[in-house]
PDB file of N, CA and C in Angstrom:
ATOM      1  N   UNK A   1       4.012  50.101  15.263  1.00  0.00           N
ATOM      2  CA  UNK A   1       5.021  50.846  14.531  1.00  0.00           C
ATOM      3  C   UNK A   1       5.887  51.634  15.507  1.00  0.00           C
ATOM      4  N   UNK A   2       7.192  51.561  15.339  1.00  0.00           N
ATOM      5  CA  UNK A   2       8.134  52.237  16.211  1.00  0.00           C
ATOM      6  C   UNK A   2       8.291  53.693  15.802  1.00  0.00           C
ATOM      7  N   UNK A   3       8.152  54.591  16.767  1.00  0.00           N
ATOM      8  CA  UNK A   3       8.372  56.011  16.509  1.00  0.00           C
ATOM      9  C   UNK A   3       9.876  56.253  16.535  1.00  0.00           C
ATOM     10  N   UNK A   4      10.341  57.085  15.627  1.00  0.00           N
ATOM     11  CA  UNK A   4      11.772  57.317  15.489  1.00  0.00           C
ATOM     12  C   UNK A   4      12.115  58.782  15.752  1.00  0.00           C
ATOM     13  N   UNK A   5      13.142  58.981  16.542  1.00  0.00           N
ATOM     14  CA  UNK A   5      13.692  60.308  16.797  1.00  0.00           C
ATOM     15  C   UNK A   5      14.965  60.410  15.965  1.00  0.00           C
ATOM     16  N   UNK A   6      15.049  61.391  15.092  1.00  0.00           N
ATOM     17  CA  UNK A   6      16.240  61.559  14.265  1.00  0.00           C
ATOM     18  C   UNK A   6      17.114  62.645  14.883  1.00  0.00           C
ATOM     19  N   UNK A   7      18.376  62.300  15.119  1.00  0.00           N
ATOM     20  CA  UNK A   7      19.368  63.250  15.621  1.00  0.00           C
ATOM     21  C   UNK A   7      20.444  63.359  14.549  1.00  0.00           C
ATOM     22  N   UNK A   8      20.508  64.514  13.916  1.00  0.00           N
ATOM     23  CA  UNK A   8      21.490  64.730  12.850  1.00  0.00           C
ATOM     24  C   UNK A   8      22.662  65.527  13.413  1.00  0.00           C
ATOM     25  N   UNK A   9      23.762  64.833  13.655  1.00  0.00           N
ATOM     26  CA  UNK A   9      24.958  65.467  14.193  1.00  0.00           C
ATOM     27  C   UNK A   9      26.044  65.640  13.151  1.00  0.00           C
ATOM     28  N   UNK A  10      25.707  65.416  11.890  1.00  0.00           N
ATOM     29  CA  UNK A  10      26.713  65.511  10.830  1.00  0.00           C
ATOM     30  C   UNK A  10      27.275  66.920  10.745  1.00  0.00           C
ATOM     31  N   UNK A  11      28.585  66.959  10.698  1.00  0.00           N
ATOM     32  CA  UNK A  11      29.378  68.171  10.479  1.00  0.00           C
ATOM     33  C   UNK A  11      29.323  69.163  11.631  1.00  0.00           C
ATOM     34  N   UNK A  12      28.737  68.763  12.759  1.00  0.00           N
ATOM     35  CA  UNK A  12      28.798  69.608  13.952  1.00  0.00           C
ATOM     36  C   UNK A  12      30.123  69.359  14.669  1.00  0.00           C
ATOM     37  N   UNK A  13      30.608  70.358  15.365  1.00  0.00           N
ATOM     38  CA  UNK A  13      31.862  70.229  16.112  1.00  0.00           C
ATOM     39  C   UNK A  13      31.597  69.551  17.456  1.00  0.00           C
ATOM     40  N   UNK A  14      32.540  68.694  17.897  1.00  0.00           N
ATOM     41  CA  UNK A  14      32.406  68.093  19.222  1.00  0.00           C
ATOM     42  C   UNK A  14      32.415  69.195  20.287  1.00  0.00           C
ATOM     43  N   UNK A  15      31.689  69.034  21.347  1.00  0.00           N
ATOM     44  CA  UNK A  15      30.919  67.864  21.783  1.00  0.00           C
ATOM     45  C   UNK A  15      29.443  67.921  21.382  1.00  0.00           C
ATOM     46  N   UNK A  16      29.053  68.815  20.489  1.00  0.00           N
ATOM     47  CA  UNK A  16      27.640  69.014  20.174  1.00  0.00           C
ATOM     48  C   UNK A  16      26.907  67.744  19.731  1.00  0.00           C
ATOM     49  N   UNK A  17      27.471  66.914  18.831  1.00  0.00           N
ATOM     50  CA  UNK A  17      26.732  65.693  18.453  1.00  0.00           C
ATOM     51  C   UNK A  17      26.448  64.777  19.645  1.00  0.00           C
ATOM     52  N   UNK A  18      27.443  64.616  20.532  1.00  0.00           N
ATOM     53  CA  UNK A  18      27.250  63.754  21.704  1.00  0.00           C
ATOM     54  C   UNK A  18      26.205  64.370  22.632  1.00  0.00           C
ATOM     55  N   UNK A  19      26.241  65.672  22.824  1.00  0.00           N
ATOM     56  CA  UNK A  19      25.251  66.332  23.673  1.00  0.00           C
ATOM     57  C   UNK A  19      23.845  66.148  23.107  1.00  0.00           C
ATOM     58  N   UNK A  20      23.703  66.268  21.798  1.00  0.00           N
ATOM     59  CA  UNK A  20      22.382  66.123  21.166  1.00  0.00           C
ATOM     60  C   UNK A  20      21.830  64.705  21.327  1.00  0.00           C
ATOM     61  N   UNK A  21      22.675  63.704  21.110  1.00  0.00           N
ATOM     62  CA  UNK A  21      22.174  62.332  21.206  1.00  0.00           C
ATOM     63  C   UNK A  21      21.909  61.958  22.662  1.00  0.00           C
ATOM     64  N   UNK A  22      22.722  62.436  23.600  1.00  0.00           N
ATOM     65  CA  UNK A  22      22.463  62.147  25.014  1.00  0.00           C
ATOM     66  C   UNK A  22      21.163  62.796  25.472  1.00  0.00           C
ATOM     67  N   UNK A  23      20.865  64.003  24.993  1.00  0.00           N
ATOM     68  CA  UNK A  23      19.596  64.654  25.324  1.00  0.00           C
ATOM     69  C   UNK A  23      18.422  63.849  24.757  1.00  0.00           C
ATOM     70  N   UNK A  24      18.575  63.323  23.549  1.00  0.00           N
ATOM     71  CA  UNK A  24      17.518  62.496  22.946  1.00  0.00           C
ATOM     72  C   UNK A  24      17.332  61.199  23.737  1.00  0.00           C
ATOM     73  N   UNK A  25      18.421  60.631  24.237  1.00  0.00           N
ATOM     74  CA  UNK A  25      18.321  59.403  25.027  1.00  0.00           C
ATOM     75  C   UNK A  25      17.526  59.638  26.303  1.00  0.00           C
ATOM     76  N   UNK A  26      17.656  60.820  26.888  1.00  0.00           N
ATOM     77  CA  UNK A  26      16.899  61.136  28.107  1.00  0.00           C
ATOM     78  C   UNK A  26      15.404  61.197  27.839  1.00  0.00           C
ATOM     79  N   UNK A  27      15.024  61.535  26.617  1.00  0.00           N
ATOM     80  CA  UNK A  27      13.607  61.653  26.250  1.00  0.00           C
ATOM     81  C   UNK A  27      13.042  60.368  25.640  1.00  0.00           C
ATOM     82  N   UNK A  28      13.879  59.364  25.447  1.00  0.00           N
ATOM     83  CA  UNK A  28      13.451  58.134  24.781  1.00  0.00           C
ATOM     84  C   UNK A  28      12.344  57.442  25.579  1.00  0.00           C
ATOM     85  N   UNK A  29      11.204  57.249  24.943  1.00  0.00           N
ATOM     86  CA  UNK A  29      10.045  56.613  25.588  1.00  0.00           C
ATOM     87  C   UNK A  29       9.897  55.181  25.075  1.00  0.00           C
ATOM     88  N   UNK A  30       9.131  54.363  25.793  1.00  0.00           N
ATOM     89  CA  UNK A  30       8.888  53.001  25.305  1.00  0.00           C
ATOM     90  C   UNK A  30       8.333  53.029  23.883  1.00  0.00           C
ATOM     91  N   UNK A  31       8.819  52.123  23.066  1.00  0.00           N
ATOM     92  CA  UNK A  31       8.366  52.024  21.685  1.00  0.00           C
ATOM     93  C   UNK A  31       9.058  52.981  20.730  1.00  0.00           C
ATOM     94  N   UNK A  32      10.024  53.743  21.221  1.00  0.00           N
ATOM     95  CA  UNK A  32      10.760  54.674  20.365  1.00  0.00           C
ATOM     96  C   UNK A  32      12.183  54.184  20.139  1.00  0.00           C
ATOM     97  N   UNK A  33      12.791  54.718  19.093  1.00  0.00           N
ATOM     98  CA  UNK A  33      14.206  54.475  18.840  1.00  0.00           C
ATOM     99  C   UNK A  33      14.806  55.762  18.282  1.00  0.00           C
ATOM    100  N   UNK A  34      16.133  55.809  18.276  1.00  0.00           N
ATOM    101  CA  UNK A  34      16.853  56.986  17.797  1.00  0.00           C
ATOM    102  C   UNK A  34      17.647  56.600  16.554  1.00  0.00           C
ATOM    103  N   UNK A  35      17.566  57.435  15.541  1.00  0.00           N
ATOM    104  CA  UNK A  35      18.406  57.315  14.353  1.00  0.00           C
ATOM    105  C   UNK A  35      19.389  58.474  14.423  1.00  0.00           C
ATOM    106  N   UNK A  36      20.665  58.149  14.729  1.00  0.00           N
ATOM    107  CA  UNK A  36      21.719  59.142  14.922  1.00  0.00           C
ATOM    108  C   UNK A  36      22.585  59.169  13.667  1.00  0.00           C
ATOM    109  N   UNK A  37      22.681  60.321  13.040  1.00  0.00           N
ATOM    110  CA  UNK A  37      23.486  60.498  11.830  1.00  0.00           C
ATOM    111  C   UNK A  37      24.734  61.284  12.193  1.00  0.00           C
ATOM    112  N   UNK A  38      25.890  60.779  11.774  1.00  0.00           N
ATOM    113  CA  UNK A  38      27.147  61.411  12.161  1.00  0.00           C
ATOM    114  C   UNK A  38      28.208  61.189  11.091  1.00  0.00           C
ATOM    115  N   UNK A  39      29.140  62.118  10.997  1.00  0.00           N
ATOM    116  CA  UNK A  39      30.191  62.044   9.978  1.00  0.00           C
ATOM    117  C   UNK A  39      31.408  61.237  10.436  1.00  0.00           C
ATOM    118  N   UNK A  40      31.362  60.713  11.624  1.00  0.00           N
ATOM    119  CA  UNK A  40      32.403  59.788  12.093  1.00  0.00           C
ATOM    120  C   UNK A  40      31.737  58.799  13.045  1.00  0.00           C
ATOM    121  N   UNK A  41      32.359  57.660  13.225  1.00  0.00           N
ATOM    122  CA  UNK A  41      31.751  56.673  14.106  1.00  0.00           C
ATOM    123  C   UNK A  41      31.986  57.082  15.565  1.00  0.00           C
ATOM    124  N   UNK A  42      30.921  57.139  16.386  1.00  0.00           N
ATOM    125  CA  UNK A  42      31.030  57.650  17.758  1.00  0.00           C
ATOM    126  C   UNK A  42      31.422  56.567  18.770  1.00  0.00           C
ATOM    127  N   UNK A  43      32.650  56.105  18.703  1.00  0.00           N
ATOM    128  CA  UNK A  43      33.087  55.010  19.578  1.00  0.00           C
ATOM    129  C   UNK A  43      32.860  55.281  21.066  1.00  0.00           C
ATOM    130  N   UNK A  44      33.056  56.503  21.585  1.00  0.00           N
ATOM    131  CA  UNK A  44      32.799  56.732  23.020  1.00  0.00           C
ATOM    132  C   UNK A  44      31.332  56.542  23.421  1.00  0.00           C
ATOM    133  N   UNK A  45      30.417  56.611  22.479  1.00  0.00           N
ATOM    134  CA  UNK A  45      28.998  56.455  22.785  1.00  0.00           C
ATOM    135  C   UNK A  45      28.623  55.005  23.084  1.00  0.00           C
ATOM    136  N   UNK A  46      29.286  54.059  22.470  1.00  0.00           N
ATOM    137  CA  UNK A  46      28.869  52.655  22.552  1.00  0.00           C
ATOM    138  C   UNK A  46      28.854  52.093  23.980  1.00  0.00           C
ATOM    139  N   UNK A  47      29.875  52.342  24.822  1.00  0.00           N
ATOM    140  CA  UNK A  47      29.791  51.828  26.203  1.00  0.00           C
ATOM    141  C   UNK A  47      28.666  52.487  27.008  1.00  0.00           C
ATOM    142  N   UNK A  48      28.362  53.744  26.706  1.00  0.00           N
ATOM    143  CA  UNK A  48      27.258  54.439  27.384  1.00  0.00           C
ATOM    144  C   UNK A  48      25.941  53.749  27.050  1.00  0.00           C
ATOM    145  N   UNK A  49      25.758  53.409  25.780  1.00  0.00           N
ATOM    146  CA  UNK A  49      24.535  52.727  25.358  1.00  0.00           C
ATOM    147  C   UNK A  49      24.394  51.374  26.043  1.00  0.00           C
ATOM    148  N   UNK A  50      25.485  50.633  26.113  1.00  0.00           N
ATOM    149  CA  UNK A  50      25.474  49.323  26.765  1.00  0.00           C
ATOM    150  C   UNK A  50      25.096  49.467  28.233  1.00  0.00           C
ATOM    151  N   UNK A  51      25.687  50.443  28.902  1.00  0.00           N
ATOM    152  CA  UNK A  51      25.393  50.674  30.322  1.00  0.00           C
ATOM    153  C   UNK A  51      23.925  51.054  30.537  1.00  0.00           C
ATOM    154  N   UNK A  52      23.331  51.731  29.571  1.00  0.00           N
ATOM    155  CA  UNK A  52      21.936  52.146  29.666  1.00  0.00           C
ATOM    156  C   UNK A  52      20.963  51.034  29.259  1.00  0.00           C
ATOM    157  N   UNK A  53      21.486  49.877  28.854  1.00  0.00           N
ATOM    158  CA  UNK A  53      20.623  48.772  28.449  1.00  0.00           C
ATOM    159  C   UNK A  53      20.074  48.932  27.044  1.00  0.00           C
ATOM    160  N   UNK A  54      20.792  49.682  26.207  1.00  0.00           N
ATOM    161  CA  UNK A  54      20.362  49.910  24.828  1.00  0.00           C
ATOM    162  C   UNK A  54      21.274  49.160  23.872  1.00  0.00           C
ATOM    163  N   UNK A  55      20.743  48.856  22.717  1.00  0.00           N
ATOM    164  CA  UNK A  55      21.570  48.238  21.679  1.00  0.00           C
ATOM    165  C   UNK A  55      21.685  49.213  20.520  1.00  0.00           C
ATOM    166  N   UNK A  56      22.681  48.985  19.692  1.00  0.00           N
ATOM    167  CA  UNK A  56      22.867  49.864  18.540  1.00  0.00           C
ATOM    168  C   UNK A  56      23.327  49.059  17.337  1.00  0.00           C
ATOM    169  N   UNK A  57      22.964  49.578  16.181  1.00  0.00           N
ATOM    170  CA  UNK A  57      23.428  49.017  14.911  1.00  0.00           C
ATOM    171  C   UNK A  57      23.997  50.168  14.103  1.00  0.00           C
ATOM    172  N   UNK A  58      25.121  49.919  13.473  1.00  0.00           N
ATOM    173  CA  UNK A  58      25.811  50.956  12.709  1.00  0.00           C
ATOM    174  C   UNK A  58      25.882  50.539  11.249  1.00  0.00           C
ATOM    175  N   UNK A  59      25.653  51.520  10.360  1.00  0.00           N
ATOM    176  CA  UNK A  59      25.856  51.241   8.941  1.00  0.00           C
ATOM    177  C   UNK A  59      26.359  52.511   8.269  1.00  0.00           C
ATOM    178  N   UNK A  60      27.281  52.339   7.339  1.00  0.00           N
ATOM    179  CA  UNK A  60      27.758  53.498   6.579  1.00  0.00           C
ATOM    180  C   UNK A  60      26.665  54.002   5.647  1.00  0.00           C
ATOM    181  N   UNK A  61      26.618  55.317   5.487  1.00  0.00           N
ATOM    182  CA  UNK A  61      25.680  55.930   4.551  1.00  0.00           C
ATOM    183  C   UNK A  61      26.469  56.873   3.645  1.00  0.00           C
ATOM    184  N   UNK A  62      25.800  57.688   2.890  1.00  0.00           N
ATOM    185  CA  UNK A  62      26.428  58.561   1.889  1.00  0.00           C
ATOM    186  C   UNK A  62      27.471  59.503   2.488  1.00  0.00           C
ATOM    187  N   UNK A  63      28.406  59.892   1.661  1.00  0.00           N
ATOM    188  CA  UNK A  63      29.431  60.893   1.975  1.00  0.00           C
ATOM    189  C   UNK A  63      30.311  60.507   3.163  1.00  0.00           C
ATOM    190  N   UNK A  64      30.511  59.218   3.375  1.00  0.00           N
ATOM    191  CA  UNK A  64      31.383  58.757   4.453  1.00  0.00           C
ATOM    192  C   UNK A  64      30.792  58.906   5.842  1.00  0.00           C
ATOM    193  N   UNK A  65      29.498  59.102   5.923  1.00  0.00           N
ATOM    194  CA  UNK A  65      28.822  59.269   7.213  1.00  0.00           C
ATOM    195  C   UNK A  65      28.307  57.919   7.722  1.00  0.00           C
ATOM    196  N   UNK A  66      27.815  57.946   8.961  1.00  0.00           N
ATOM    197  CA  UNK A  66      27.289  56.741   9.595  1.00  0.00           C
ATOM    198  C   UNK A  66      25.880  56.992  10.116  1.00  0.00           C
ATOM    199  N   UNK A  67      25.092  55.925  10.111  1.00  0.00           N
ATOM    200  CA  UNK A  67      23.771  55.916  10.722  1.00  0.00           C
ATOM    201  C   UNK A  67      23.838  54.930  11.878  1.00  0.00           C
ATOM    202  N   UNK A  68      23.513  55.402  13.074  1.00  0.00           N
ATOM    203  CA  UNK A  68      23.509  54.552  14.259  1.00  0.00           C
ATOM    204  C   UNK A  68      22.074  54.467  14.746  1.00  0.00           C
ATOM    205  N   UNK A  69      21.510  53.272  14.714  1.00  0.00           N
ATOM    206  CA  UNK A  69      20.148  53.042  15.170  1.00  0.00           C
ATOM    207  C   UNK A  69      20.225  52.554  16.614  1.00  0.00           C
ATOM    208  N   UNK A  70      19.580  53.284  17.522  1.00  0.00           N
ATOM    209  CA  UNK A  70      19.654  53.008  18.955  1.00  0.00           C
ATOM    210  C   UNK A  70      18.256  52.652  19.447  1.00  0.00           C
ATOM    211  N   UNK A  71      18.145  51.516  20.138  1.00  0.00           N
ATOM    212  CA  UNK A  71      16.845  51.090  20.648  1.00  0.00           C
ATOM    213  C   UNK A  71      17.032  50.190  21.880  1.00  0.00           C
ATOM    214  N   UNK A  72      15.970  50.022  22.660  1.00  0.00           N
ATOM    215  CA  UNK A  72      16.062  49.136  23.820  1.00  0.00           C
ATOM    216  C   UNK A  72      16.403  47.711  23.399  1.00  0.00           C
ATOM    217  N   UNK A  73      17.090  47.026  24.281  1.00  0.00           N
ATOM    218  CA  UNK A  73      17.367  45.608  24.012  1.00  0.00           C
ATOM    219  C   UNK A  73      16.049  44.853  24.032  1.00  0.00           C
ATOM    220  N   UNK A  74      15.971  43.794  23.263  1.00  0.00           N
ATOM    221  CA  UNK A  74      14.766  42.963  23.259  1.00  0.00           C
ATOM    222  C   UNK A  74      14.569  42.351  24.638  1.00  0.00           C
ATOM    223  N   UNK A  75      13.320  42.276  25.039  1.00  0.00           N
ATOM    224  CA  UNK A  75      13.026  41.622  26.295  1.00  0.00           C
ATOM    225  C   UNK A  75      12.740  42.583  27.421  1.00  0.00           C
ATOM    226  N   UNK A  76      12.751  43.886  27.162  1.00  0.00           N
ATOM    227  CA  UNK A  76      12.417  44.790  28.246  1.00  0.00           C
ATOM    228  C   UNK A  76      12.877  46.192  27.967  1.00  0.00           C
ATOM    229  N   UNK A  77      12.469  47.084  28.847  1.00  0.00           N
ATOM    230  CA  UNK A  77      12.836  48.487  28.696  1.00  0.00           C
ATOM    231  C   UNK A  77      14.292  48.715  29.044  1.00  0.00           C
ATOM    232  N   UNK A  78      14.857  49.863  28.654  1.00  0.00           N
ATOM    233  CA  UNK A  78      16.228  50.165  29.020  1.00  0.00           C
ATOM    234  C   UNK A  78      16.355  50.305  30.528  1.00  0.00           C
ATOM    235  N   UNK A  79      17.585  50.092  31.000  1.00  0.00           N
ATOM    236  CA  UNK A  79      17.807  50.314  32.420  1.00  0.00           C
ATOM    237  C   UNK A  79      18.395  49.174  33.124  1.00  0.00           C
TER     238      UNK A  79
END
């Protein structure tokens, strides 16, 4: 079972949501993933995730917000 870290950045002012998710990424351990909740889609985050060897999936949720699921790419650890 994958352990999940939830980062709720909804309705926070920039740059706080990005700072919170980047701090969570630093703590990400093998077998964990991050569920990032935000009121806008974080386009600047996506190239950072790719560079770190992570993948992400985005889906709209209630009240016009987004859920971004971040996890290591299949086949190995991030990096």
